[in-house]
Amino acid sequence: IHRKNKQAIRKESDKDLDEAVEKGRQTLRHERFKDAMSRKASIIRGAKTEIARALTELNARRRNQETK
């Protein structure tokens, strides 16, 4: 998972953000079920951050559509 800044996330489509969330969740699931010695905390942390950023943007978009 590569890190994206706020502007890059805002430019992405809803479909791309949904895919990013799914990919992040798969990465997180994969890392969590690894052997304890081969887990990478930085990958888990990065995946969680990317999921949160994508979900935050998606929720903000949905909230803005409801108020219009």
N, C-alpha and C. Protein backbone atom coordinates (compact mmCIF):
# COMPACT_ATOMS: atom_id res chain seq x y z
N ILE A 1 0.86 -1.18 0.00
CA ILE A 1 0.00 0.00 0.00
C ILE A 1 0.89 1.23 0.00
N HIS A 2 0.58 2.14 -0.88
CA HIS A 2 1.38 3.35 -0.92
C HIS A 2 0.59 4.50 -0.31
N ARG A 3 1.29 5.38 0.33
CA ARG A 3 0.66 6.50 1.02
C ARG A 3 0.23 7.57 0.04
N LYS A 4 -0.92 8.16 0.29
CA LYS A 4 -1.43 9.23 -0.54
C LYS A 4 -1.78 10.41 0.35
N ASN A 5 -1.59 11.59 -0.18
CA ASN A 5 -1.94 12.77 0.59
C ASN A 5 -3.42 13.10 0.38
N LYS A 6 -3.91 14.09 1.11
CA LYS A 6 -5.34 14.44 1.05
C LYS A 6 -5.80 14.80 -0.35
N GLN A 7 -5.00 15.58 -1.06
CA GLN A 7 -5.40 16.01 -2.39
C GLN A 7 -5.53 14.82 -3.34
N ALA A 8 -4.62 13.87 -3.24
CA ALA A 8 -4.68 12.69 -4.11
C ALA A 8 -5.92 11.86 -3.79
N ILE A 9 -6.25 11.74 -2.53
CA ILE A 9 -7.42 10.96 -2.14
C ILE A 9 -8.70 11.65 -2.62
N ARG A 10 -8.75 12.96 -2.52
CA ARG A 10 -9.95 13.69 -2.95
C ARG A 10 -10.18 13.59 -4.45
N LYS A 11 -9.12 13.41 -5.23
CA LYS A 11 -9.24 13.33 -6.68
C LYS A 11 -9.71 11.96 -7.15
N GLU A 12 -9.60 10.95 -6.30
CA GLU A 12 -9.97 9.59 -6.70
C GLU A 12 -11.49 9.42 -6.74
N SER A 13 -11.93 8.51 -7.59
CA SER A 13 -13.35 8.22 -7.70
C SER A 13 -13.80 7.36 -6.52
N ASP A 14 -15.12 7.27 -6.34
CA ASP A 14 -15.65 6.43 -5.27
C ASP A 14 -15.24 4.98 -5.47
N LYS A 15 -15.25 4.54 -6.72
CA LYS A 15 -14.88 3.16 -7.02
C LYS A 15 -13.43 2.89 -6.62
N ASP A 16 -12.54 3.83 -6.93
CA ASP A 16 -11.12 3.67 -6.56
C ASP A 16 -10.95 3.63 -5.04
N LEU A 17 -11.71 4.47 -4.35
CA LEU A 17 -11.62 4.48 -2.89
C LEU A 17 -12.15 3.18 -2.29
N ASP A 18 -13.24 2.66 -2.85
CA ASP A 18 -13.77 1.36 -2.39
C ASP A 18 -12.73 0.26 -2.60
N GLU A 19 -12.07 0.30 -3.75
CA GLU A 19 -11.02 -0.69 -4.04
C GLU A 19 -9.84 -0.54 -3.08
N ALA A 20 -9.50 0.69 -2.74
CA ALA A 20 -8.40 0.93 -1.80
C ALA A 20 -8.74 0.37 -0.42
N VAL A 21 -10.00 0.53 0.00
CA VAL A 21 -10.43 0.00 1.29
C VAL A 21 -10.35 -1.52 1.27
N GLU A 22 -10.84 -2.13 0.20
CA GLU A 22 -10.81 -3.58 0.11
C GLU A 22 -9.37 -4.12 0.08
N LYS A 23 -8.52 -3.46 -0.68
CA LYS A 23 -7.12 -3.89 -0.75
C LYS A 23 -6.43 -3.73 0.60
N GLY A 24 -6.72 -2.64 1.29
CA GLY A 24 -6.15 -2.42 2.62
C GLY A 24 -6.61 -3.47 3.61
N ARG A 25 -7.87 -3.83 3.54
CA ARG A 25 -8.40 -4.86 4.44
C ARG A 25 -7.78 -6.22 4.15
N GLN A 26 -7.56 -6.51 2.87
CA GLN A 26 -6.91 -7.78 2.51
C GLN A 26 -5.48 -7.81 3.04
N THR A 27 -4.77 -6.70 2.88
CA THR A 27 -3.39 -6.61 3.37
C THR A 27 -3.37 -6.80 4.89
N LEU A 28 -4.28 -6.12 5.56
CA LEU A 28 -4.37 -6.21 7.02
C LEU A 28 -4.66 -7.65 7.45
N ARG A 29 -5.61 -8.28 6.81
CA ARG A 29 -5.96 -9.67 7.13
C ARG A 29 -4.77 -10.60 6.91
N HIS A 30 -4.09 -10.40 5.79
CA HIS A 30 -2.94 -11.23 5.45
C HIS A 30 -1.82 -11.08 6.50
N GLU A 31 -1.54 -9.85 6.89
CA GLU A 31 -0.48 -9.60 7.87
C GLU A 31 -0.84 -10.15 9.24
N ARG A 32 -2.09 -10.00 9.64
CA ARG A 32 -2.49 -10.44 10.98
C ARG A 32 -2.38 -11.95 11.16
N PHE A 33 -2.62 -12.70 10.07
CA PHE A 33 -2.59 -14.14 10.19
C PHE A 33 -1.22 -14.75 9.91
N LYS A 34 -0.22 -13.91 9.72
CA LYS A 34 1.14 -14.42 9.55
C LYS A 34 1.68 -14.89 10.89
N ASP A 35 2.76 -15.63 10.82
CA ASP A 35 3.48 -16.03 12.02
C ASP A 35 3.91 -14.76 12.77
N ALA A 36 3.87 -14.80 14.07
CA ALA A 36 4.18 -13.62 14.88
C ALA A 36 5.54 -13.03 14.57
N MET A 37 6.50 -13.87 14.20
CA MET A 37 7.84 -13.37 13.93
C MET A 37 7.97 -12.72 12.56
N SER A 38 7.05 -13.01 11.66
CA SER A 38 7.17 -12.45 10.31
C SER A 38 6.22 -11.29 10.07
N ARG A 39 5.42 -10.92 11.06
CA ARG A 39 4.53 -9.77 10.92
C ARG A 39 5.33 -8.47 10.87
N LYS A 40 4.81 -7.52 10.14
CA LYS A 40 5.44 -6.21 10.08
C LYS A 40 4.44 -5.17 10.61
N ALA A 41 4.76 -4.59 11.73
CA ALA A 41 3.86 -3.61 12.36
C ALA A 41 3.65 -2.40 11.47
N SER A 42 4.69 -2.02 10.73
CA SER A 42 4.56 -0.84 9.87
C SER A 42 3.57 -1.09 8.74
N ILE A 43 3.51 -2.30 8.22
CA ILE A 43 2.55 -2.62 7.16
C ILE A 43 1.13 -2.59 7.72
N ILE A 44 0.95 -3.14 8.91
CA ILE A 44 -0.37 -3.14 9.55
C ILE A 44 -0.81 -1.71 9.82
N ARG A 45 0.07 -0.91 10.37
CA ARG A 45 -0.25 0.48 10.68
C ARG A 45 -0.58 1.27 9.41
N GLY A 46 0.22 1.06 8.37
CA GLY A 46 -0.01 1.76 7.11
C GLY A 46 -1.33 1.37 6.46
N ALA A 47 -1.67 0.08 6.53
CA ALA A 47 -2.93 -0.39 5.97
C ALA A 47 -4.11 0.22 6.71
N LYS A 48 -4.01 0.27 8.03
CA LYS A 48 -5.09 0.86 8.83
C LYS A 48 -5.27 2.34 8.49
N THR A 49 -4.16 3.03 8.32
CA THR A 49 -4.20 4.46 7.98
C THR A 49 -4.85 4.68 6.63
N GLU A 50 -4.47 3.89 5.64
CA GLU A 50 -5.04 4.03 4.30
C GLU A 50 -6.54 3.73 4.30
N ILE A 51 -6.94 2.70 5.04
CA ILE A 51 -8.36 2.37 5.15
C ILE A 51 -9.11 3.53 5.76
N ALA A 52 -8.59 4.08 6.83
CA ALA A 52 -9.25 5.19 7.51
C ALA A 52 -9.36 6.42 6.62
N ARG A 53 -8.31 6.73 5.88
CA ARG A 53 -8.35 7.89 4.99
C ARG A 53 -9.39 7.73 3.89
N ALA A 54 -9.43 6.54 3.30
CA ALA A 54 -10.38 6.29 2.22
C ALA A 54 -11.81 6.32 2.75
N LEU A 55 -12.05 5.69 3.90
CA LEU A 55 -13.40 5.68 4.47
C LEU A 55 -13.84 7.08 4.90
N THR A 56 -12.91 7.86 5.43
CA THR A 56 -13.23 9.22 5.83
C THR A 56 -13.69 10.03 4.62
N GLU A 57 -12.98 9.92 3.51
CA GLU A 57 -13.35 10.66 2.29
C GLU A 57 -14.69 10.17 1.74
N LEU A 58 -14.89 8.85 1.71
CA LEU A 58 -16.16 8.31 1.22
C LEU A 58 -17.33 8.78 2.08
N ASN A 59 -17.16 8.75 3.39
CA ASN A 59 -18.23 9.19 4.29
C ASN A 59 -18.51 10.68 4.14
N ALA A 60 -17.47 11.48 3.95
CA ALA A 60 -17.65 12.92 3.75
C ALA A 60 -18.42 13.18 2.47
N ARG A 61 -18.10 12.45 1.41
CA ARG A 61 -18.82 12.61 0.14
C ARG A 61 -20.29 12.24 0.29
N ARG A 62 -20.55 11.14 0.99
CA ARG A 62 -21.94 10.70 1.17
C ARG A 62 -22.72 11.69 2.03
N ARG A 63 -22.08 12.24 3.05
CA ARG A 63 -22.73 13.24 3.89
C ARG A 63 -23.06 14.49 3.09
N ASN A 64 -22.13 14.92 2.21
CA ASN A 64 -22.37 16.10 1.39
C ASN A 64 -23.50 15.89 0.40
N GLN A 65 -23.66 14.68 -0.12
CA GLN A 65 -24.74 14.40 -1.06
C GLN A 65 -26.09 14.44 -0.34
N GLU A 66 -26.12 14.01 0.89
CA GLU A 66 -27.38 14.01 1.65
C GLU A 66 -27.83 15.42 1.96
N THR A 67 -26.91 16.35 2.18
CA THR A 67 -27.28 17.71 2.54
C THR A 67 -27.64 18.57 1.34
N LYS A 68 -27.32 18.11 0.14
CA LYS A 68 -27.63 18.91 -1.05
C LYS A 68 -29.06 18.78 -1.46
